[in-house]
Amino acid sequence: MGIVAKIKMLADERKMTIAELERKLDFSNGSIRRWDKQSPSVDRLQKVADFFNVTADSLLDRSGNEPSPKAQSIARRYDNFSSDQQEFFDALFETVERKFDKK
Protein backbone atom coordinates (compact mmCIF):
# COMPACT_ATOMS: atom_id res chain seq x y z
CA MET A 1 0.00 0.00 0.00
CA GLY A 2 1.37 3.41 -0.95
CA ILE A 3 1.89 6.30 1.41
CA VAL A 4 -1.11 8.27 0.15
CA ALA A 5 -3.38 5.21 0.49
CA LYS A 6 -2.18 4.71 4.08
CA ILE A 7 -2.80 8.35 4.94
CA LYS A 8 -6.24 8.16 3.33
CA MET A 9 -7.04 5.06 5.41
CA LEU A 10 -5.95 6.85 8.61
CA ALA A 11 -7.93 9.95 7.66
CA ASP A 12 -11.01 7.83 6.89
CA GLU A 13 -10.79 6.32 10.38
CA ARG A 14 -11.07 9.84 11.77
CA LYS A 15 -13.86 10.63 9.33
CA MET A 16 -11.87 13.33 7.60
CA THR A 17 -10.63 13.89 4.07
CA ILE A 18 -7.05 14.38 2.94
CA ALA A 19 -7.97 17.99 2.09
CA GLU A 20 -9.15 18.54 5.68
CA LEU A 21 -5.91 17.00 6.97
CA GLU A 22 -3.88 19.30 4.74
CA ARG A 23 -5.72 22.35 6.09
CA LYS A 24 -5.29 21.15 9.68
CA LEU A 25 -1.54 20.68 9.17
CA ASP A 26 -1.19 23.91 7.15
CA PHE A 27 -0.09 22.08 3.97
CA SER A 28 -0.93 23.39 0.52
CA ASN A 29 -3.98 21.93 -1.21
CA GLY A 30 -3.14 18.65 -2.98
CA SER A 31 0.35 18.33 -1.49
CA ILE A 32 -0.26 14.94 0.15
CA ARG A 33 -1.71 13.45 -3.05
CA ARG A 34 1.53 14.35 -4.85
CA TRP A 35 3.49 12.11 -2.45
CA ASP A 36 2.73 9.12 -4.66
CA LYS A 37 4.96 10.73 -7.31
CA GLN A 38 7.42 12.78 -5.27
CA SER A 39 8.75 12.06 -1.81
CA PRO A 40 7.61 14.27 1.05
CA SER A 41 10.05 16.17 3.21
CA VAL A 42 10.99 14.51 6.46
CA ASP A 43 9.33 17.34 8.41
CA ARG A 44 6.01 16.98 6.58
CA LEU A 45 6.06 13.20 6.85
CA GLN A 46 6.69 13.47 10.59
CA LYS A 47 3.83 15.97 11.00
CA VAL A 48 1.41 13.48 9.43
CA ALA A 49 2.81 10.60 11.50
CA ASP A 50 2.50 12.65 14.71
CA PHE A 51 -1.04 13.70 13.85
CA PHE A 52 -2.12 10.07 13.51
CA ASN A 53 0.13 8.81 16.32
CA VAL A 54 1.98 6.38 14.06
CA THR A 55 5.63 6.12 13.05
CA ALA A 56 6.99 7.64 9.87
CA ASP A 57 8.39 4.19 9.07
CA SER A 58 4.92 2.69 9.12
CA LEU A 59 3.74 5.33 6.65
CA LEU A 60 6.71 4.48 4.43
CA ASP A 61 6.14 0.73 4.79
CA ARG A 62 9.61 0.23 6.27
CA SER A 63 8.71 -2.00 9.19
CA GLY A 64 8.85 -5.71 8.58
CA ASN A 65 6.29 -6.45 11.27
CA GLU A 66 3.85 -3.63 10.71
CA PRO A 67 0.74 -4.03 12.83
CA SER A 68 -2.53 -4.55 11.06
CA PRO A 69 -4.76 -1.51 10.55
CA LYS A 70 -7.01 -2.91 13.31
CA ALA A 71 -4.07 -3.14 15.74
CA GLN A 72 -3.00 0.40 14.83
CA SER A 73 -6.54 1.64 15.45
CA ILE A 74 -6.63 -0.06 18.86
CA ALA A 75 -3.24 1.45 19.75
CA ARG A 76 -4.45 4.94 18.88
CA ARG A 77 -7.54 4.46 21.04
CA TYR A 78 -5.40 3.13 23.92
CA ASP A 79 -3.45 6.39 23.95
CA ASN A 80 -6.69 8.25 24.68
CA PHE A 81 -7.71 5.98 27.59
CA SER A 82 -7.48 7.15 31.18
CA SER A 83 -4.62 5.74 33.24
CA ASP A 84 -7.06 3.37 34.98
CA GLN A 85 -8.27 2.05 31.63
CA GLN A 86 -4.69 1.62 30.41
CA GLU A 87 -3.76 -0.29 33.57
CA PHE A 88 -6.76 -2.58 33.08
CA PHE A 89 -5.80 -3.37 29.47
CA ASP A 90 -2.12 -3.80 30.38
CA ALA A 91 -3.09 -6.39 33.01
CA LEU A 92 -5.45 -8.09 30.57
CA PHE A 93 -2.78 -8.35 27.87
CA GLU A 94 -0.21 -9.66 30.36
CA THR A 95 -2.65 -12.38 31.41
CA VAL A 96 -3.29 -13.35 27.80
CA GLU A 97 0.44 -13.38 26.99
CA ARG A 98 1.19 -15.63 30.02
CA LYS A 99 -1.56 -18.03 28.99
CA PHE A 100 -0.25 -18.37 25.44
CA ASP A 101 3.41 -18.52 26.51
CA LYS A 102 2.63 -21.68 28.52
CA LYS A 103 1.47 -23.56 25.43
C-alpha atoms as a PDB file:
ATOM      1  CA  MET A   1       0.000   0.000   0.000  1.00  0.00           C
ATOM      2  CA  GLY A   2       1.371   3.407  -0.953  1.00  0.00           C
ATOM      3  CA  ILE A   3       1.891   6.299   1.413  1.00  0.00           C
ATOM      4  CA  VAL A   4      -1.110   8.269   0.154  1.00  0.00           C
ATOM      5  CA  ALA A   5      -3.380   5.210   0.493  1.00  0.00           C
ATOM      6  CA  LYS A   6      -2.178   4.712   4.075  1.00  0.00           C
ATOM      7  CA  ILE A   7      -2.797   8.349   4.940  1.00  0.00           C
ATOM      8  CA  LYS A   8      -6.240   8.155   3.334  1.00  0.00           C
ATOM      9  CA  MET A   9      -7.045   5.065   5.411  1.00  0.00           C
ATOM     10  CA  LEU A  10      -5.954   6.852   8.607  1.00  0.00           C
ATOM     11  CA  ALA A  11      -7.931   9.948   7.658  1.00  0.00           C
ATOM     12  CA  ASP A  12     -11.007   7.834   6.890  1.00  0.00           C
ATOM     13  CA  GLU A  13     -10.789   6.315  10.383  1.00  0.00           C
ATOM     14  CA  ARG A  14     -11.066   9.838  11.766  1.00  0.00           C
ATOM     15  CA  LYS A  15     -13.864  10.628   9.334  1.00  0.00           C
ATOM     16  CA  MET A  16     -11.873  13.332   7.596  1.00  0.00           C
ATOM     17  CA  THR A  17     -10.629  13.893   4.066  1.00  0.00           C
ATOM     18  CA  ILE A  18      -7.053  14.381   2.940  1.00  0.00           C
ATOM     19  CA  ALA A  19      -7.967  17.991   2.086  1.00  0.00           C
ATOM     20  CA  GLU A  20      -9.153  18.541   5.682  1.00  0.00           C
ATOM     21  CA  LEU A  21      -5.912  16.998   6.967  1.00  0.00           C
ATOM     22  CA  GLU A  22      -3.875  19.295   4.737  1.00  0.00           C
ATOM     23  CA  ARG A  23      -5.720  22.349   6.086  1.00  0.00           C
ATOM     24  CA  LYS A  24      -5.289  21.154   9.677  1.00  0.00           C
ATOM     25  CA  LEU A  25      -1.535  20.676   9.166  1.00  0.00           C
ATOM     26  CA  ASP A  26      -1.187  23.912   7.147  1.00  0.00           C
ATOM     27  CA  PHE A  27      -0.093  22.084   3.968  1.00  0.00           C
ATOM     28  CA  SER A  28      -0.932  23.393   0.519  1.00  0.00           C
ATOM     29  CA  ASN A  29      -3.977  21.933  -1.215  1.00  0.00           C
ATOM     30  CA  GLY A  30      -3.136  18.651  -2.977  1.00  0.00           C
ATOM     31  CA  SER A  31       0.348  18.332  -1.487  1.00  0.00           C
ATOM     32  CA  ILE A  32      -0.258  14.938   0.148  1.00  0.00           C
ATOM     33  CA  ARG A  33      -1.709  13.449  -3.046  1.00  0.00           C
ATOM     34  CA  ARG A  34       1.533  14.352  -4.845  1.00  0.00           C
ATOM     35  CA  TRP A  35       3.486  12.106  -2.446  1.00  0.00           C
ATOM     36  CA  ASP A  36       2.727   9.116  -4.662  1.00  0.00           C
ATOM     37  CA  LYS A  37       4.963  10.727  -7.307  1.00  0.00           C
ATOM     38  CA  GLN A  38       7.415  12.784  -5.267  1.00  0.00           C
ATOM     39  CA  SER A  39       8.751  12.062  -1.808  1.00  0.00           C
ATOM     40  CA  PRO A  40       7.605  14.271   1.051  1.00  0.00           C
ATOM     41  CA  SER A  41      10.053  16.174   3.207  1.00  0.00           C
ATOM     42  CA  VAL A  42      10.991  14.511   6.464  1.00  0.00           C
ATOM     43  CA  ASP A  43       9.327  17.345   8.407  1.00  0.00           C
ATOM     44  CA  ARG A  44       6.007  16.981   6.582  1.00  0.00           C
ATOM     45  CA  LEU A  45       6.062  13.204   6.850  1.00  0.00           C
ATOM     46  CA  GLN A  46       6.686  13.470  10.593  1.00  0.00           C
ATOM     47  CA  LYS A  47       3.828  15.972  10.997  1.00  0.00           C
ATOM     48  CA  VAL A  48       1.415  13.483   9.429  1.00  0.00           C
ATOM     49  CA  ALA A  49       2.813  10.604  11.504  1.00  0.00           C
ATOM     50  CA  ASP A  50       2.503  12.647  14.713  1.00  0.00           C
ATOM     51  CA  PHE A  51      -1.040  13.700  13.852  1.00  0.00           C
ATOM     52  CA  PHE A  52      -2.119  10.068  13.505  1.00  0.00           C
ATOM     53  CA  ASN A  53       0.129   8.811  16.321  1.00  0.00           C
ATOM     54  CA  VAL A  54       1.984   6.383  14.060  1.00  0.00           C
ATOM     55  CA  THR A  55       5.626   6.117  13.046  1.00  0.00           C
ATOM     56  CA  ALA A  56       6.989   7.643   9.872  1.00  0.00           C
ATOM     57  CA  ASP A  57       8.394   4.191   9.069  1.00  0.00           C
ATOM     58  CA  SER A  58       4.917   2.691   9.121  1.00  0.00           C
ATOM     59  CA  LEU A  59       3.739   5.334   6.647  1.00  0.00           C
ATOM     60  CA  LEU A  60       6.714   4.483   4.430  1.00  0.00           C
ATOM     61  CA  ASP A  61       6.145   0.727   4.793  1.00  0.00           C
ATOM     62  CA  ARG A  62       9.615   0.233   6.273  1.00  0.00           C
ATOM     63  CA  SER A  63       8.712  -2.004   9.186  1.00  0.00           C
ATOM     64  CA  GLY A  64       8.854  -5.709   8.577  1.00  0.00           C
ATOM     65  CA  ASN A  65       6.286  -6.446  11.274  1.00  0.00           C
ATOM     66  CA  GLU A  66       3.851  -3.626  10.709  1.00  0.00           C
ATOM     67  CA  PRO A  67       0.744  -4.030  12.828  1.00  0.00           C
ATOM     68  CA  SER A  68      -2.535  -4.548  11.060  1.00  0.00           C
ATOM     69  CA  PRO A  69      -4.762  -1.513  10.551  1.00  0.00           C
ATOM     70  CA  LYS A  70      -7.015  -2.910  13.309  1.00  0.00           C
ATOM     71  CA  ALA A  71      -4.072  -3.135  15.736  1.00  0.00           C
ATOM     72  CA  GLN A  72      -3.003   0.405  14.832  1.00  0.00           C
ATOM     73  CA  SER A  73      -6.543   1.640  15.452  1.00  0.00           C
ATOM     74  CA  ILE A  74      -6.626  -0.055  18.859  1.00  0.00           C
ATOM     75  CA  ALA A  75      -3.237   1.453  19.754  1.00  0.00           C
ATOM     76  CA  ARG A  76      -4.452   4.944  18.879  1.00  0.00           C
ATOM     77  CA  ARG A  77      -7.544   4.460  21.044  1.00  0.00           C
ATOM     78  CA  TYR A  78      -5.399   3.132  23.924  1.00  0.00           C
ATOM     79  CA  ASP A  79      -3.448   6.386  23.949  1.00  0.00           C
ATOM     80  CA  ASN A  80      -6.689   8.251  24.684  1.00  0.00           C
ATOM     81  CA  PHE A  81      -7.707   5.984  27.587  1.00  0.00           C
ATOM     82  CA  SER A  82      -7.480   7.154  31.178  1.00  0.00           C
ATOM     83  CA  SER A  83      -4.619   5.740  33.237  1.00  0.00           C
ATOM     84  CA  ASP A  84      -7.064   3.371  34.981  1.00  0.00           C
ATOM     85  CA  GLN A  85      -8.273   2.049  31.634  1.00  0.00           C
ATOM     86  CA  GLN A  86      -4.692   1.622  30.406  1.00  0.00           C
ATOM     87  CA  GLU A  87      -3.762  -0.287  33.573  1.00  0.00           C
ATOM     88  CA  PHE A  88      -6.755  -2.576  33.077  1.00  0.00           C
ATOM     89  CA  PHE A  89      -5.802  -3.366  29.474  1.00  0.00           C
ATOM     90  CA  ASP A  90      -2.125  -3.800  30.383  1.00  0.00           C
ATOM     91  CA  ALA A  91      -3.090  -6.390  33.013  1.00  0.00           C
ATOM     92  CA  LEU A  92      -5.454  -8.094  30.571  1.00  0.00           C
ATOM     93  CA  PHE A  93      -2.783  -8.352  27.873  1.00  0.00           C
ATOM     94  CA  GLU A  94      -0.209  -9.657  30.360  1.00  0.00           C
ATOM     95  CA  THR A  95      -2.654 -12.379  31.410  1.00  0.00           C
ATOM     96  CA  VAL A  96      -3.294 -13.345  27.799  1.00  0.00           C
ATOM     97  CA  GLU A  97       0.437 -13.381  26.995  1.00  0.00           C
ATOM     98  CA  ARG A  98       1.189 -15.631  30.015  1.00  0.00           C
ATOM     99  CA  LYS A  99      -1.556 -18.033  28.992  1.00  0.00           C
ATOM    100  CA  PHE A 100      -0.252 -18.369  25.442  1.00  0.00           C
ATOM    101  CA  ASP A 101       3.407 -18.523  26.514  1.00  0.00           C
ATOM    102  CA  LYS A 102       2.633 -21.675  28.520  1.00  0.00           C
ATOM    103  CA  LYS A 103       1.468 -23.560  25.432  1.00  0.00           C
END
